[in-house]
PDB file of N, CA and C in Angstrom:
ATOM      1  N   UNK A   1      79.883 155.399 150.990  1.00  0.00           N
ATOM      2  CA  UNK A   1      80.119 156.717 150.429  1.00  0.00           C
ATOM      3  C   UNK A   1      79.416 157.766 151.209  1.00  0.00           C
ATOM      4  N   UNK A   2      80.074 158.824 151.519  1.00  0.00           N
ATOM      5  CA  UNK A   2      79.514 159.936 152.310  1.00  0.00           C
ATOM      6  C   UNK A   2      78.508 160.680 151.467  1.00  0.00           C
ATOM      7  N   UNK A   3      77.474 161.131 152.102  1.00  0.00           N
ATOM      8  CA  UNK A   3      76.505 161.981 151.384  1.00  0.00           C
ATOM      9  C   UNK A   3      76.732 163.400 151.820  1.00  0.00           C
ATOM     10  N   UNK A   4      77.762 163.973 151.170  1.00  0.00           N
ATOM     11  CA  UNK A   4      78.159 165.338 151.490  1.00  0.00           C
ATOM     12  C   UNK A   4      77.017 166.360 151.268  1.00  0.00           C
ATOM     13  N   UNK A   5      76.126 166.088 150.297  1.00  0.00           N
ATOM     14  CA  UNK A   5      75.067 167.005 150.006  1.00  0.00           C
ATOM     15  C   UNK A   5      74.161 167.194 151.207  1.00  0.00           C
ATOM     16  N   UNK A   6      73.907 166.132 151.941  1.00  0.00           N
ATOM     17  CA  UNK A   6      73.040 166.210 153.160  1.00  0.00           C
ATOM     18  C   UNK A   6      73.697 167.194 154.178  1.00  0.00           C
ATOM     19  N   UNK A   7      74.991 167.032 154.347  1.00  0.00           N
ATOM     20  CA  UNK A   7      75.662 167.857 155.354  1.00  0.00           C
ATOM     21  C   UNK A   7      75.724 169.314 154.845  1.00  0.00           C
ATOM     22  N   UNK A   8      75.979 169.520 153.576  1.00  0.00           N
ATOM     23  CA  UNK A   8      76.002 170.861 152.973  1.00  0.00           C
ATOM     24  C   UNK A   8      74.654 171.520 153.155  1.00  0.00           C
ATOM     25  N   UNK A   9      73.599 170.779 152.809  1.00  0.00           N
ATOM     26  CA  UNK A   9      72.237 171.339 152.936  1.00  0.00           C
ATOM     27  C   UNK A   9      71.946 171.711 154.422  1.00  0.00           C
ATOM     28  N   UNK A  10      72.322 170.894 155.350  1.00  0.00           N
ATOM     29  CA  UNK A  10      72.104 171.189 156.739  1.00  0.00           C
ATOM     30  C   UNK A  10      72.886 172.388 157.174  1.00  0.00           C
ATOM     31  N   UNK A  11      74.152 172.507 156.809  1.00  0.00           N
ATOM     32  CA  UNK A  11      74.982 173.648 157.185  1.00  0.00           C
ATOM     33  C   UNK A  11      74.458 174.936 156.601  1.00  0.00           C
ATOM     34  N   UNK A  12      74.093 174.892 155.298  1.00  0.00           N
ATOM     35  CA  UNK A  12      73.524 176.054 154.647  1.00  0.00           C
ATOM     36  C   UNK A  12      72.173 176.528 155.265  1.00  0.00           C
ATOM     37  N   UNK A  13      71.497 175.556 155.868  1.00  0.00           N
ATOM     38  CA  UNK A  13      70.224 175.858 156.525  1.00  0.00           C
ATOM     39  C   UNK A  13      70.509 176.354 157.981  1.00  0.00           C
ATOM     40  N   UNK A  14      71.787 176.382 158.337  1.00  0.00           N
ATOM     41  CA  UNK A  14      72.194 176.796 159.655  1.00  0.00           C
ATOM     42  C   UNK A  14      71.523 175.972 160.749  1.00  0.00           C
ATOM     43  N   UNK A  15      71.521 174.669 160.530  1.00  0.00           N
ATOM     44  CA  UNK A  15      70.914 173.754 161.512  1.00  0.00           C
ATOM     45  C   UNK A  15      71.923 172.796 162.086  1.00  0.00           C
ATOM     46  N   UNK A  16      71.732 172.415 163.305  1.00  0.00           N
ATOM     47  CA  UNK A  16      72.500 171.349 163.930  1.00  0.00           C
ATOM     48  C   UNK A  16      71.859 169.997 163.651  1.00  0.00           C
ATOM     49  N   UNK A  17      72.581 168.933 163.730  1.00  0.00           N
ATOM     50  CA  UNK A  17      72.039 167.596 163.533  1.00  0.00           C
ATOM     51  C   UNK A  17      70.864 167.352 164.484  1.00  0.00           C
ATOM     52  N   UNK A  18      71.041 167.813 165.738  1.00  0.00           N
ATOM     53  CA  UNK A  18      70.044 167.577 166.755  1.00  0.00           C
ATOM     54  C   UNK A  18      68.705 168.288 166.362  1.00  0.00           C
ATOM     55  N   UNK A  19      68.767 169.444 165.778  1.00  0.00           N
ATOM     56  CA  UNK A  19      67.576 170.138 165.379  1.00  0.00           C
ATOM     57  C   UNK A  19      66.856 169.439 164.206  1.00  0.00           C
ATOM     58  N   UNK A  20      67.593 169.072 163.215  1.00  0.00           N
ATOM     59  CA  UNK A  20      67.039 168.412 162.055  1.00  0.00           C
ATOM     60  C   UNK A  20      66.437 167.075 162.443  1.00  0.00           C
ATOM     61  N   UNK A  21      67.132 166.302 163.262  1.00  0.00           N
ATOM     62  CA  UNK A  21      66.624 165.052 163.694  1.00  0.00           C
ATOM     63  C   UNK A  21      65.299 165.223 164.492  1.00  0.00           C
ATOM     64  N   UNK A  22      65.240 166.168 165.342  1.00  0.00           N
ATOM     65  CA  UNK A  22      64.052 166.380 166.132  1.00  0.00           C
ATOM     66  C   UNK A  22      62.920 166.832 165.220  1.00  0.00           C
ATOM     67  N   UNK A  23      63.196 167.765 164.311  1.00  0.00           N
ATOM     68  CA  UNK A  23      62.119 168.292 163.362  1.00  0.00           C
ATOM     69  C   UNK A  23      61.576 167.145 162.513  1.00  0.00           C
ATOM     70  N   UNK A  24      62.416 166.173 162.099  1.00  0.00           N
ATOM     71  CA  UNK A  24      61.983 165.092 161.242  1.00  0.00           C
ATOM     72  C   UNK A  24      61.599 163.821 161.977  1.00  0.00           C
ATOM     73  N   UNK A  25      61.671 163.914 163.319  1.00  0.00           N
ATOM     74  CA  UNK A  25      61.374 162.744 164.092  1.00  0.00           C
ATOM     75  C   UNK A  25      62.166 161.518 163.792  1.00  0.00           C
ATOM     76  N   UNK A  26      63.469 161.743 163.655  1.00  0.00           N
ATOM     77  CA  UNK A  26      64.428 160.620 163.489  1.00  0.00           C
ATOM     78  C   UNK A  26      65.521 160.810 164.532  1.00  0.00           C
ATOM     79  N   UNK A  27      66.279 159.771 164.754  1.00  0.00           N
ATOM     80  CA  UNK A  27      67.335 159.900 165.767  1.00  0.00           C
ATOM     81  C   UNK A  27      68.505 160.738 165.213  1.00  0.00           C
ATOM     82  N   UNK A  28      69.179 161.398 166.067  1.00  0.00           N
ATOM     83  CA  UNK A  28      70.380 162.130 165.708  1.00  0.00           C
ATOM     84  C   UNK A  28      71.429 161.208 165.095  1.00  0.00           C
ATOM     85  N   UNK A  29      71.549 160.026 165.733  1.00  0.00           N
ATOM     86  CA  UNK A  29      72.548 159.038 165.268  1.00  0.00           C
ATOM     87  C   UNK A  29      72.194 158.587 163.775  1.00  0.00           C
ATOM     88  N   UNK A  30      70.902 158.435 163.529  1.00  0.00           N
ATOM     89  CA  UNK A  30      70.568 157.976 162.185  1.00  0.00           C
ATOM     90  C   UNK A  30      70.856 159.091 161.188  1.00  0.00           C
ATOM     91  N   UNK A  31      70.557 160.331 161.501  1.00  0.00           N
ATOM     92  CA  UNK A  31      70.974 161.494 160.606  1.00  0.00           C
ATOM     93  C   UNK A  31      72.452 161.498 160.389  1.00  0.00           C
ATOM     94  N   UNK A  32      73.213 161.309 161.446  1.00  0.00           N
ATOM     95  CA  UNK A  32      74.681 161.269 161.306  1.00  0.00           C
ATOM     96  C   UNK A  32      75.116 160.164 160.346  1.00  0.00           C
ATOM     97  N   UNK A  33      74.472 158.930 160.520  1.00  0.00           N
ATOM     98  CA  UNK A  33      74.780 157.828 159.605  1.00  0.00           C
ATOM     99  C   UNK A  33      74.448 158.171 158.169  1.00  0.00           C
ATOM    100  N   UNK A  34      73.313 158.828 157.971  1.00  0.00           N
ATOM    101  CA  UNK A  34      72.952 159.220 156.629  1.00  0.00           C
ATOM    102  C   UNK A  34      73.957 160.113 156.022  1.00  0.00           C
ATOM    103  N   UNK A  35      74.385 161.159 156.769  1.00  0.00           N
ATOM    104  CA  UNK A  35      75.409 162.117 156.298  1.00  0.00           C
ATOM    105  C   UNK A  35      76.730 161.459 156.002  1.00  0.00           C
ATOM    106  N   UNK A  36      77.106 160.462 156.789  1.00  0.00           N
ATOM    107  CA  UNK A  36      78.371 159.767 156.661  1.00  0.00           C
ATOM    108  C   UNK A  36      78.315 158.615 155.720  1.00  0.00           C
ATOM    109  N   UNK A  37      77.182 158.299 155.155  1.00  0.00           N
ATOM    110  CA  UNK A  37      77.084 157.184 154.272  1.00  0.00           C
ATOM    111  C   UNK A  37      77.082 155.815 154.978  1.00  0.00           C
ATOM    112  N   UNK A  38      76.786 155.800 156.244  1.00  0.00           N
ATOM    113  CA  UNK A  38      76.771 154.542 156.978  1.00  0.00           C
ATOM    114  C   UNK A  38      75.430 153.917 157.090  1.00  0.00           C
ATOM    115  N   UNK A  39      74.338 154.652 156.797  1.00  0.00           N
ATOM    116  CA  UNK A  39      72.997 154.106 156.817  1.00  0.00           C
ATOM    117  C   UNK A  39      72.785 153.307 155.627  1.00  0.00           C
ATOM    118  N   UNK A  40      72.322 152.055 155.779  1.00  0.00           N
ATOM    119  CA  UNK A  40      72.090 151.181 154.718  1.00  0.00           C
ATOM    120  C   UNK A  40      70.632 151.318 154.239  1.00  0.00           C
ATOM    121  N   UNK A  41      70.480 151.564 152.934  1.00  0.00           N
ATOM    122  CA  UNK A  41      69.147 151.620 152.278  1.00  0.00           C
ATOM    123  C   UNK A  41      68.135 152.510 153.040  1.00  0.00           C
ATOM    124  N   UNK A  42      68.380 153.827 153.137  1.00  0.00           N
ATOM    125  CA  UNK A  42      67.404 154.705 153.766  1.00  0.00           C
ATOM    126  C   UNK A  42      66.083 154.611 153.024  1.00  0.00           C
ATOM    127  N   UNK A  43      64.984 154.724 153.747  1.00  0.00           N
ATOM    128  CA  UNK A  43      63.673 154.600 153.087  1.00  0.00           C
ATOM    129  C   UNK A  43      63.375 155.816 152.238  1.00  0.00           C
ATOM    130  N   UNK A  44      62.533 155.656 151.241  1.00  0.00           N
ATOM    131  CA  UNK A  44      62.169 156.714 150.358  1.00  0.00           C
ATOM    132  C   UNK A  44      61.424 157.799 151.182  1.00  0.00           C
ATOM    133  N   UNK A  45      60.686 157.380 152.165  1.00  0.00           N
ATOM    134  CA  UNK A  45      60.002 158.335 153.045  1.00  0.00           C
ATOM    135  C   UNK A  45      60.980 159.276 153.738  1.00  0.00           C
ATOM    136  N   UNK A  46      62.066 158.739 154.284  1.00  0.00           N
ATOM    137  CA  UNK A  46      63.059 159.578 154.944  1.00  0.00           C
ATOM    138  C   UNK A  46      63.735 160.486 153.979  1.00  0.00           C
ATOM    139  N   UNK A  47      64.062 159.933 152.758  1.00  0.00           N
ATOM    140  CA  UNK A  47      64.710 160.774 151.729  1.00  0.00           C
ATOM    141  C   UNK A  47      63.804 161.911 151.316  1.00  0.00           C
ATOM    142  N   UNK A  48      62.520 161.628 151.228  1.00  0.00           N
ATOM    143  CA  UNK A  48      61.574 162.697 150.821  1.00  0.00           C
ATOM    144  C   UNK A  48      61.432 163.735 151.922  1.00  0.00           C
ATOM    145  N   UNK A  49      61.412 163.293 153.186  1.00  0.00           N
ATOM    146  CA  UNK A  49      61.341 164.227 154.293  1.00  0.00           C
ATOM    147  C   UNK A  49      62.526 165.178 154.281  1.00  0.00           C
ATOM    148  N   UNK A  50      63.719 164.599 154.029  1.00  0.00           N
ATOM    149  CA  UNK A  50      64.951 165.388 154.003  1.00  0.00           C
ATOM    150  C   UNK A  50      64.881 166.422 152.853  1.00  0.00           C
ATOM    151  N   UNK A  51      64.477 165.964 151.687  1.00  0.00           N
ATOM    152  CA  UNK A  51      64.455 166.847 150.528  1.00  0.00           C
ATOM    153  C   UNK A  51      63.434 167.992 150.774  1.00  0.00           C
ATOM    154  N   UNK A  52      62.342 167.624 151.359  1.00  0.00           N
ATOM    155  CA  UNK A  52      61.299 168.671 151.656  1.00  0.00           C
ATOM    156  C   UNK A  52      61.805 169.650 152.718  1.00  0.00           C
ATOM    157  N   UNK A  53      62.482 169.095 153.729  1.00  0.00           N
ATOM    158  CA  UNK A  53      62.973 169.922 154.823  1.00  0.00           C
ATOM    159  C   UNK A  53      63.955 170.935 154.301  1.00  0.00           C
ATOM    160  N   UNK A  54      64.838 170.524 153.387  1.00  0.00           N
ATOM    161  CA  UNK A  54      65.871 171.389 152.845  1.00  0.00           C
ATOM    162  C   UNK A  54      65.400 172.142 151.559  1.00  0.00           C
ATOM    163  N   UNK A  55      64.108 171.926 151.155  1.00  0.00           N
ATOM    164  CA  UNK A  55      63.524 172.555 150.049  1.00  0.00           C
ATOM    165  C   UNK A  55      64.323 172.350 148.711  1.00  0.00           C
ATOM    166  N   UNK A  56      64.592 171.064 148.475  1.00  0.00           N
ATOM    167  CA  UNK A  56      65.320 170.711 147.246  1.00  0.00           C
ATOM    168  C   UNK A  56      64.813 169.375 146.706  1.00  0.00           C
ATOM    169  N   UNK A  57      65.236 168.976 145.559  1.00  0.00           N
ATOM    170  CA  UNK A  57      64.789 167.711 145.008  1.00  0.00           C
ATOM    171  C   UNK A  57      65.633 166.585 145.564  1.00  0.00           C
ATOM    172  N   UNK A  58      65.066 165.348 145.374  1.00  0.00           N
ATOM    173  CA  UNK A  58      65.816 164.190 145.801  1.00  0.00           C
ATOM    174  C   UNK A  58      67.118 164.082 144.998  1.00  0.00           C
ATOM    175  N   UNK A  59      67.084 164.389 143.709  1.00  0.00           N
ATOM    176  CA  UNK A  59      68.248 164.372 142.902  1.00  0.00           C
ATOM    177  C   UNK A  59      69.322 165.301 143.444  1.00  0.00           C
ATOM    178  N   UNK A  60      68.915 166.530 143.808  1.00  0.00           N
ATOM    179  CA  UNK A  60      69.923 167.480 144.347  1.00  0.00           C
ATOM    180  C   UNK A  60      70.553 166.934 145.653  1.00  0.00           C
ATOM    181  N   UNK A  61      69.746 166.355 146.418  1.00  0.00           N
ATOM    182  CA  UNK A  61      70.181 165.936 147.769  1.00  0.00           C
ATOM    183  C   UNK A  61      70.996 164.690 147.738  1.00  0.00           C
ATOM    184  N   UNK A  62      70.640 163.746 146.900  1.00  0.00           N
ATOM    185  CA  UNK A  62      71.302 162.466 146.884  1.00  0.00           C
ATOM    186  C   UNK A  62      72.188 162.108 145.705  1.00  0.00           C
ATOM    187  N   UNK A  63      72.349 163.028 144.797  1.00  0.00           N
ATOM    188  CA  UNK A  63      73.228 162.760 143.690  1.00  0.00           C
ATOM    189  C   UNK A  63      74.640 163.001 144.026  1.00  0.00           C
ATOM    190  N   UNK A  64      75.592 162.432 143.344  1.00  0.00           N
ATOM    191  CA  UNK A  64      77.025 162.702 143.668  1.00  0.00           C
ATOM    192  C   UNK A  64      77.471 164.016 143.024  1.00  0.00           C
ATOM    193  N   UNK A  65      76.684 164.605 142.190  1.00  0.00           N
ATOM    194  CA  UNK A  65      76.974 165.906 141.565  1.00  0.00           C
ATOM    195  C   UNK A  65      76.504 166.975 142.484  1.00  0.00           C
ATOM    196  N   UNK A  66      77.429 167.861 142.888  1.00  0.00           N
ATOM    197  CA  UNK A  66      77.106 168.887 143.817  1.00  0.00           C
ATOM    198  C   UNK A  66      76.845 170.271 143.166  1.00  0.00           C
ATOM    199  N   UNK A  67      76.306 170.307 141.920  1.00  0.00           N
ATOM    200  CA  UNK A  67      76.061 171.552 141.275  1.00  0.00           C
ATOM    201  C   UNK A  67      75.048 172.410 142.009  1.00  0.00           C
ATOM    202  N   UNK A  68      74.221 171.820 142.845  1.00  0.00           N
ATOM    203  CA  UNK A  68      73.230 172.598 143.594  1.00  0.00           C
ATOM    204  C   UNK A  68      73.910 173.583 144.480  1.00  0.00           C
ATOM    205  N   UNK A  69      75.107 173.313 144.899  1.00  0.00           N
ATOM    206  CA  UNK A  69      75.800 174.130 145.870  1.00  0.00           C
ATOM    207  C   UNK A  69      77.042 174.726 145.205  1.00  0.00           C
TER     208      UNK A  69
END
């Protein structure tokens, strides 16, 4: 399942995948996999980093409900 909220948050932050990956010290490929739902079992640490980076909660970022946007 795609995680459209991750991509929406990145686009709203006006960031490229390359920038976010560099800022969070993860690979661009891994970020792409997270956004496309191809990453299996992302760590809680990575999920927290992403939520903090986009200034939102884990629920907002990883829920299937897109009310945040």
